[in-house]
Amino acid sequence: MTPTYDHKGRGWTLTAEAFDKLLDCFDVDRDSAGEKYEDLRRALVRYFEGRRILFAEENADEVFNRVSRKLIDGVQINNLYGYCYEVARRVLLERQRSPESKMHSIEEFELEYSATDSIDDAIEKEKMLRCLNQCMEKLPPESRALITEYYQHNRNDRVKLRKAMSERMNLSREALANRAQRLRAKLEKCIERCLKMTAI
C-alpha cells in the first residue's frame, strides 16, 4: 500500500509499522490478512463510488490511513470492519462538504436537463440531446475524446479504466478528474444557453 497523506492536515504518513498493525487486525496469517484487506478496500471504494464521491480509491486509502494511526496511538479496535465503516462515514461527510468532490456522469446530463413538468417529455429530451451533441461538437477533438472516454464507463469498470486513462495521458488521477470536471462545467453552460435559445 502506498503511504498516504492525512487529509485533515496533521502531516502524518502511513508507515510500514502502522500498516503491519493494520494487517494484524485482519488476520495473523499475512496472506489471509492481505486478502481481507484488499476485500475491504474494494468494498470501501464501492461505498464512496456509490455516493458519487470523486477519488474513491484515495478516500478508501484515507480510511485505512486514519485507522492505522489510531492503532499506532494505542487505540484498541475490537470490530475492525465496523470501525472502518464509521471512519468512512466521517470521511464521506467531509467530502460531501466539498462540491468539487461530487462525481457526475454524461448520462446525468440527460436526467438533469430532460426533467420537466411538460406532458411531452420526449420532446424535451430530444432538445437536450440535440444541445448536448451541438455543444460536444464545439469542443476540440482531444477534449471531446477525453470527456467521452472519462464518463462512458459503467461504475464497475470506471475506477480501473480511469486509472489506465490517467497513466496513458501521463496525468495523476486528480489532474485527470479536474480536467474532466472543467470540461463538464463548460458543457453544462453551453447546454443551458442552447436550451434557452430553443425555448425562445
C-alpha atoms as a PDB file:
ATOM      1  CA  MET A   1       0.000   0.000   0.000  1.00  0.00           C
ATOM      2  CA  THR A   2       1.362   3.404  -0.909  1.00  0.00           C
ATOM      3  CA  PRO A   3       1.691   5.764   2.087  1.00  0.00           C
ATOM      4  CA  THR A   4      -0.972   8.433   2.003  1.00  0.00           C
ATOM      5  CA  TYR A   5      -1.070  11.926   3.430  1.00  0.00           C
ATOM      6  CA  ASP A   6      -3.513  12.646   6.199  1.00  0.00           C
ATOM      7  CA  HIS A   7      -6.109  14.988   4.610  1.00  0.00           C
ATOM      8  CA  LYS A   8      -7.007  16.515   7.946  1.00  0.00           C
ATOM      9  CA  GLY A   9      -3.728  18.399   7.756  1.00  0.00           C
ATOM     10  CA  ARG A  10      -1.808  16.694  10.540  1.00  0.00           C
ATOM     11  CA  GLY A  11       1.044  15.795   8.223  1.00  0.00           C
ATOM     12  CA  TRP A  12       1.106  12.114   9.263  1.00  0.00           C
ATOM     13  CA  THR A  13       2.056   9.451   6.728  1.00  0.00           C
ATOM     14  CA  LEU A  14       1.345   5.758   6.854  1.00  0.00           C
ATOM     15  CA  THR A  15       4.449   3.866   7.966  1.00  0.00           C
ATOM     16  CA  ALA A  16       5.357   0.227   7.477  1.00  0.00           C
ATOM     17  CA  GLU A  17       4.869  -0.310  11.224  1.00  0.00           C
ATOM     18  CA  ALA A  18       1.375   1.197  11.105  1.00  0.00           C
ATOM     19  CA  PHE A  19       0.420  -0.893   8.084  1.00  0.00           C
ATOM     20  CA  ASP A  20       1.663  -4.046   9.831  1.00  0.00           C
ATOM     21  CA  LYS A  21      -0.533  -3.243  12.821  1.00  0.00           C
ATOM     22  CA  LEU A  22      -3.481  -2.808  10.478  1.00  0.00           C
ATOM     23  CA  LEU A  23      -2.844  -6.169   8.811  1.00  0.00           C
ATOM     24  CA  ASP A  24      -2.562  -7.822  12.235  1.00  0.00           C
ATOM     25  CA  CYS A  25      -6.151  -6.754  12.892  1.00  0.00           C
ATOM     26  CA  PHE A  26      -7.314  -8.656   9.823  1.00  0.00           C
ATOM     27  CA  ASP A  27      -5.531 -11.950  10.466  1.00  0.00           C
ATOM     28  CA  VAL A  28      -2.342 -13.340  11.982  1.00  0.00           C
ATOM     29  CA  ASP A  29      -1.637 -15.044   8.658  1.00  0.00           C
ATOM     30  CA  ARG A  30      -0.133 -12.455   6.309  1.00  0.00           C
ATOM     31  CA  ASP A  31      -1.574 -13.905   3.093  1.00  0.00           C
ATOM     32  CA  SER A  32      -5.053 -14.111   4.583  1.00  0.00           C
ATOM     33  CA  ALA A  33      -4.686 -10.631   6.086  1.00  0.00           C
ATOM     34  CA  GLY A  34      -3.686  -9.244   2.693  1.00  0.00           C
ATOM     35  CA  GLU A  35      -6.712 -10.795   1.010  1.00  0.00           C
ATOM     36  CA  LYS A  36      -9.083  -9.488   3.680  1.00  0.00           C
ATOM     37  CA  TYR A  37      -7.509  -6.043   3.438  1.00  0.00           C
ATOM     38  CA  GLU A  38      -8.000  -5.985  -0.344  1.00  0.00           C
ATOM     39  CA  ASP A  39     -11.601  -7.185   0.017  1.00  0.00           C
ATOM     40  CA  LEU A  40     -12.419  -4.428   2.479  1.00  0.00           C
ATOM     41  CA  ARG A  41     -10.621  -1.841   0.385  1.00  0.00           C
ATOM     42  CA  ARG A  42     -12.716  -2.793  -2.659  1.00  0.00           C
ATOM     43  CA  ALA A  43     -15.853  -2.547  -0.529  1.00  0.00           C
ATOM     44  CA  LEU A  44     -14.836   0.920   0.685  1.00  0.00           C
ATOM     45  CA  VAL A  45     -14.141   2.033  -2.886  1.00  0.00           C
ATOM     46  CA  ARG A  46     -17.647   0.909  -3.856  1.00  0.00           C
ATOM     47  CA  TYR A  47     -19.005   2.720  -0.799  1.00  0.00           C
ATOM     48  CA  PHE A  48     -17.574   6.054  -1.982  1.00  0.00           C
ATOM     49  CA  GLU A  49     -18.399   5.428  -5.644  1.00  0.00           C
ATOM     50  CA  GLY A  50     -21.978   4.613  -4.753  1.00  0.00           C
ATOM     51  CA  ARG A  51     -22.283   8.013  -3.109  1.00  0.00           C
ATOM     52  CA  ARG A  52     -20.866   9.819  -6.149  1.00  0.00           C
ATOM     53  CA  ILE A  53     -17.664  10.961  -4.456  1.00  0.00           C
ATOM     54  CA  LEU A  54     -14.578  11.566  -6.556  1.00  0.00           C
ATOM     55  CA  PHE A  55     -11.302   9.771  -5.859  1.00  0.00           C
ATOM     56  CA  ALA A  56     -12.969   6.742  -4.302  1.00  0.00           C
ATOM     57  CA  GLU A  57      -9.689   4.808  -4.123  1.00  0.00           C
ATOM     58  CA  GLU A  58      -7.886   7.689  -2.420  1.00  0.00           C
ATOM     59  CA  ASN A  59     -10.703   8.031   0.088  1.00  0.00           C
ATOM     60  CA  ALA A  60     -10.618   4.309   0.837  1.00  0.00           C
ATOM     61  CA  ASP A  61      -6.883   4.624   1.499  1.00  0.00           C
ATOM     62  CA  GLU A  62      -7.607   7.628   3.703  1.00  0.00           C
ATOM     63  CA  VAL A  63      -9.870   5.443   5.835  1.00  0.00           C
ATOM     64  CA  PHE A  64      -7.069   2.930   6.374  1.00  0.00           C
ATOM     65  CA  ASN A  65      -4.643   5.780   6.945  1.00  0.00           C
ATOM     66  CA  ARG A  66      -6.725   7.125   9.821  1.00  0.00           C
ATOM     67  CA  VAL A  67      -7.430   3.708  11.290  1.00  0.00           C
ATOM     68  CA  SER A  68      -3.725   2.828  11.171  1.00  0.00           C
ATOM     69  CA  ARG A  69      -2.849   5.998  13.014  1.00  0.00           C
ATOM     70  CA  LYS A  70      -5.337   5.145  15.743  1.00  0.00           C
ATOM     71  CA  LEU A  71      -3.670   1.749  16.108  1.00  0.00           C
ATOM     72  CA  ILE A  72      -0.240   3.348  16.392  1.00  0.00           C
ATOM     73  CA  ASP A  73      -1.658   5.701  19.018  1.00  0.00           C
ATOM     74  CA  GLY A  74      -2.685   2.662  21.057  1.00  0.00           C
ATOM     75  CA  VAL A  75      -6.414   2.599  20.363  1.00  0.00           C
ATOM     76  CA  GLN A  76      -7.904  -0.883  20.752  1.00  0.00           C
ATOM     77  CA  ILE A  77     -10.230  -1.767  17.872  1.00  0.00           C
ATOM     78  CA  ASN A  78     -12.433  -4.758  18.564  1.00  0.00           C
ATOM     79  CA  ASN A  79     -14.579  -4.606  15.423  1.00  0.00           C
ATOM     80  CA  LEU A  80     -12.252  -3.558  12.619  1.00  0.00           C
ATOM     81  CA  TYR A  81     -14.875  -3.656   9.865  1.00  0.00           C
ATOM     82  CA  GLY A  82     -17.398  -1.649  11.822  1.00  0.00           C
ATOM     83  CA  TYR A  83     -14.725   0.850  12.855  1.00  0.00           C
ATOM     84  CA  CYS A  84     -13.533   1.291   9.261  1.00  0.00           C
ATOM     85  CA  TYR A  85     -17.067   1.970   8.047  1.00  0.00           C
ATOM     86  CA  GLU A  86     -17.565   4.503  10.817  1.00  0.00           C
ATOM     87  CA  VAL A  87     -14.381   6.283   9.704  1.00  0.00           C
ATOM     88  CA  ALA A  88     -15.593   6.012   6.092  1.00  0.00           C
ATOM     89  CA  ARG A  89     -18.829   7.775   7.050  1.00  0.00           C
ATOM     90  CA  ARG A  90     -16.809  10.582   8.606  1.00  0.00           C
ATOM     91  CA  VAL A  91     -14.622  10.890   5.521  1.00  0.00           C
ATOM     92  CA  LEU A  92     -17.767  10.897   3.379  1.00  0.00           C
ATOM     93  CA  LEU A  93     -19.263  13.779   5.363  1.00  0.00           C
ATOM     94  CA  GLU A  94     -16.061  15.773   4.917  1.00  0.00           C
ATOM     95  CA  ARG A  95     -16.003  15.156   1.187  1.00  0.00           C
ATOM     96  CA  GLN A  96     -19.685  15.974   0.772  1.00  0.00           C
ATOM     97  CA  ARG A  97     -18.973  19.441   2.106  1.00  0.00           C
ATOM     98  CA  SER A  98     -16.674  19.958  -0.890  1.00  0.00           C
ATOM     99  CA  PRO A  99     -18.785  20.472  -4.069  1.00  0.00           C
ATOM    100  CA  GLU A 100     -15.826  19.692  -6.321  1.00  0.00           C
ATOM    101  CA  SER A 101     -15.676  16.173  -4.931  1.00  0.00           C
ATOM    102  CA  LYS A 102     -19.065  15.163  -6.331  1.00  0.00           C
ATOM    103  CA  MET A 103     -18.983  12.705  -9.190  1.00  0.00           C
ATOM    104  CA  HIS A 104     -21.218  13.024 -12.203  1.00  0.00           C
ATOM    105  CA  SER A 105     -21.634  11.233 -15.493  1.00  0.00           C
ATOM    106  CA  ILE A 106     -22.509  12.211 -19.019  1.00  0.00           C
ATOM    107  CA  GLU A 107     -25.746  10.283 -18.599  1.00  0.00           C
ATOM    108  CA  GLU A 108     -26.760  12.681 -15.847  1.00  0.00           C
ATOM    109  CA  PHE A 109     -26.903  15.497 -18.389  1.00  0.00           C
ATOM    110  CA  GLU A 110     -29.950  13.764 -19.799  1.00  0.00           C
ATOM    111  CA  LEU A 111     -31.569  13.344 -16.406  1.00  0.00           C
ATOM    112  CA  GLU A 112     -30.862  16.895 -15.349  1.00  0.00           C
ATOM    113  CA  TYR A 113     -31.983  18.612 -18.486  1.00  0.00           C
ATOM    114  CA  SER A 114     -34.840  16.349 -19.510  1.00  0.00           C
ATOM    115  CA  ALA A 115     -36.600  16.674 -16.148  1.00  0.00           C
ATOM    116  CA  THR A 116     -39.730  18.685 -16.876  1.00  0.00           C
ATOM    117  CA  ASP A 117     -43.352  19.090 -15.922  1.00  0.00           C
ATOM    118  CA  SER A 118     -44.272  19.114 -19.610  1.00  0.00           C
ATOM    119  CA  ILE A 119     -46.671  16.462 -20.887  1.00  0.00           C
ATOM    120  CA  ASP A 120     -44.328  15.609 -23.724  1.00  0.00           C
ATOM    121  CA  ASP A 121     -41.060  14.624 -22.006  1.00  0.00           C
ATOM    122  CA  ALA A 122     -39.796  13.040 -25.203  1.00  0.00           C
ATOM    123  CA  ILE A 123     -39.663  16.429 -26.923  1.00  0.00           C
ATOM    124  CA  GLU A 124     -37.718  17.915 -24.014  1.00  0.00           C
ATOM    125  CA  LYS A 125     -35.276  15.033 -24.049  1.00  0.00           C
ATOM    126  CA  GLU A 126     -34.773  15.402 -27.774  1.00  0.00           C
ATOM    127  CA  LYS A 127     -33.989  19.102 -27.301  1.00  0.00           C
ATOM    128  CA  MET A 128     -31.485  18.293 -24.602  1.00  0.00           C
ATOM    129  CA  LEU A 129     -29.757  15.620 -26.679  1.00  0.00           C
ATOM    130  CA  ARG A 130     -29.586  17.958 -29.648  1.00  0.00           C
ATOM    131  CA  CYS A 131     -27.995  20.640 -27.500  1.00  0.00           C
ATOM    132  CA  LEU A 132     -25.598  18.148 -25.953  1.00  0.00           C
ATOM    133  CA  ASN A 133     -24.478  16.983 -29.394  1.00  0.00           C
ATOM    134  CA  GLN A 134     -24.069  20.565 -30.620  1.00  0.00           C
ATOM    135  CA  CYS A 135     -22.006  21.513 -27.585  1.00  0.00           C
ATOM    136  CA  MET A 136     -19.852  18.399 -27.857  1.00  0.00           C
ATOM    137  CA  GLU A 137     -19.104  19.310 -31.480  1.00  0.00           C
ATOM    138  CA  LYS A 138     -17.835  22.714 -30.343  1.00  0.00           C
ATOM    139  CA  LEU A 139     -15.153  21.121 -28.175  1.00  0.00           C
ATOM    140  CA  PRO A 140     -11.675  20.484 -29.611  1.00  0.00           C
ATOM    141  CA  PRO A 141     -11.309  16.857 -30.738  1.00  0.00           C
ATOM    142  CA  GLU A 142      -8.961  15.967 -27.881  1.00  0.00           C
ATOM    143  CA  SER A 143     -11.330  17.457 -25.275  1.00  0.00           C
ATOM    144  CA  ARG A 144     -14.315  15.693 -26.829  1.00  0.00           C
ATOM    145  CA  ALA A 145     -12.433  12.383 -26.746  1.00  0.00           C
ATOM    146  CA  LEU A 146     -11.348  12.923 -23.139  1.00  0.00           C
ATOM    147  CA  ILE A 147     -14.759  13.677 -21.689  1.00  0.00           C
ATOM    148  CA  THR A 148     -16.447  10.939 -23.702  1.00  0.00           C
ATOM    149  CA  GLU A 149     -13.988   8.301 -22.525  1.00  0.00           C
ATOM    150  CA  TYR A 150     -13.944   9.595 -18.944  1.00  0.00           C
ATOM    151  CA  TYR A 151     -17.704   9.360 -18.438  1.00  0.00           C
ATOM    152  CA  GLN A 152     -18.692   6.471 -20.675  1.00  0.00           C
ATOM    153  CA  HIS A 153     -17.812   3.554 -18.412  1.00  0.00           C
ATOM    154  CA  ASN A 154     -20.175   1.883 -16.011  1.00  0.00           C
ATOM    155  CA  ARG A 155     -19.454   2.020 -12.285  1.00  0.00           C
ATOM    156  CA  ASN A 156     -17.814  -1.409 -12.098  1.00  0.00           C
ATOM    157  CA  ASP A 157     -15.223  -0.600 -14.775  1.00  0.00           C
ATOM    158  CA  ARG A 158     -14.801   3.097 -14.055  1.00  0.00           C
ATOM    159  CA  VAL A 159     -12.009   3.001 -11.468  1.00  0.00           C
ATOM    160  CA  LYS A 160      -9.790   0.608 -13.397  1.00  0.00           C
ATOM    161  CA  LEU A 161     -10.303   2.275 -16.765  1.00  0.00           C
ATOM    162  CA  ARG A 162      -9.840   5.813 -15.454  1.00  0.00           C
ATOM    163  CA  LYS A 163      -6.608   4.715 -13.814  1.00  0.00           C
ATOM    164  CA  ALA A 164      -5.415   3.329 -17.149  1.00  0.00           C
ATOM    165  CA  MET A 165      -6.550   6.521 -18.836  1.00  0.00           C
ATOM    166  CA  SER A 166      -4.555   8.714 -16.430  1.00  0.00           C
ATOM    167  CA  GLU A 167      -1.461   6.561 -16.911  1.00  0.00           C
ATOM    168  CA  ARG A 168      -1.798   6.728 -20.686  1.00  0.00           C
ATOM    169  CA  MET A 169      -2.135  10.513 -20.576  1.00  0.00           C
ATOM    170  CA  ASN A 170       0.674  10.850 -18.011  1.00  0.00           C
ATOM    171  CA  LEU A 171      -1.661  12.637 -15.590  1.00  0.00           C
ATOM    172  CA  SER A 172      -2.434  12.000 -11.960  1.00  0.00           C
ATOM    173  CA  ARG A 173      -5.981  10.773 -11.370  1.00  0.00           C
ATOM    174  CA  GLU A 174      -6.758  14.021  -9.591  1.00  0.00           C
ATOM    175  CA  ALA A 175      -5.483  16.106 -12.521  1.00  0.00           C
ATOM    176  CA  LEU A 176      -7.487  13.985 -14.954  1.00  0.00           C
ATOM    177  CA  ALA A 177     -10.638  14.331 -12.838  1.00  0.00           C
ATOM    178  CA  ASN A 178     -10.189  18.094 -12.585  1.00  0.00           C
ATOM    179  CA  ARG A 179      -9.771  18.382 -16.339  1.00  0.00           C
ATOM    180  CA  ALA A 180     -12.894  16.305 -16.941  1.00  0.00           C
ATOM    181  CA  GLN A 181     -14.888  18.366 -14.433  1.00  0.00           C
ATOM    182  CA  ARG A 182     -13.833  21.629 -16.110  1.00  0.00           C
ATOM    183  CA  LEU A 183     -14.960  20.262 -19.455  1.00  0.00           C
ATOM    184  CA  ARG A 184     -18.230  19.121 -17.908  1.00  0.00           C
ATOM    185  CA  ALA A 185     -18.850  22.594 -16.456  1.00  0.00           C
ATOM    186  CA  LYS A 186     -18.165  24.112 -19.872  1.00  0.00           C
ATOM    187  CA  LEU A 187     -20.619  21.700 -21.473  1.00  0.00           C
ATOM    188  CA  GLU A 188     -23.294  22.429 -18.881  1.00  0.00           C
ATOM    189  CA  LYS A 189     -23.110  26.170 -19.553  1.00  0.00           C
ATOM    190  CA  CYS A 190     -23.246  25.567 -23.300  1.00  0.00           C
ATOM    191  CA  ILE A 191     -26.271  23.277 -22.921  1.00  0.00           C
ATOM    192  CA  GLU A 192     -28.049  25.807 -20.722  1.00  0.00           C
ATOM    193  CA  ARG A 193     -27.529  28.547 -23.342  1.00  0.00           C
ATOM    194  CA  CYS A 194     -28.661  26.216 -26.113  1.00  0.00           C
ATOM    195  CA  LEU A 195     -31.838  25.214 -24.262  1.00  0.00           C
ATOM    196  CA  LYS A 196     -32.676  28.852 -23.584  1.00  0.00           C
ATOM    197  CA  MET A 197     -32.293  29.604 -27.271  1.00  0.00           C
ATOM    198  CA  THR A 198     -34.590  26.748 -28.292  1.00  0.00           C
ATOM    199  CA  ALA A 199     -37.170  27.942 -25.775  1.00  0.00           C
ATOM    200  CA  ILE A 200     -37.452  31.347 -27.467  1.00  0.00           C
END
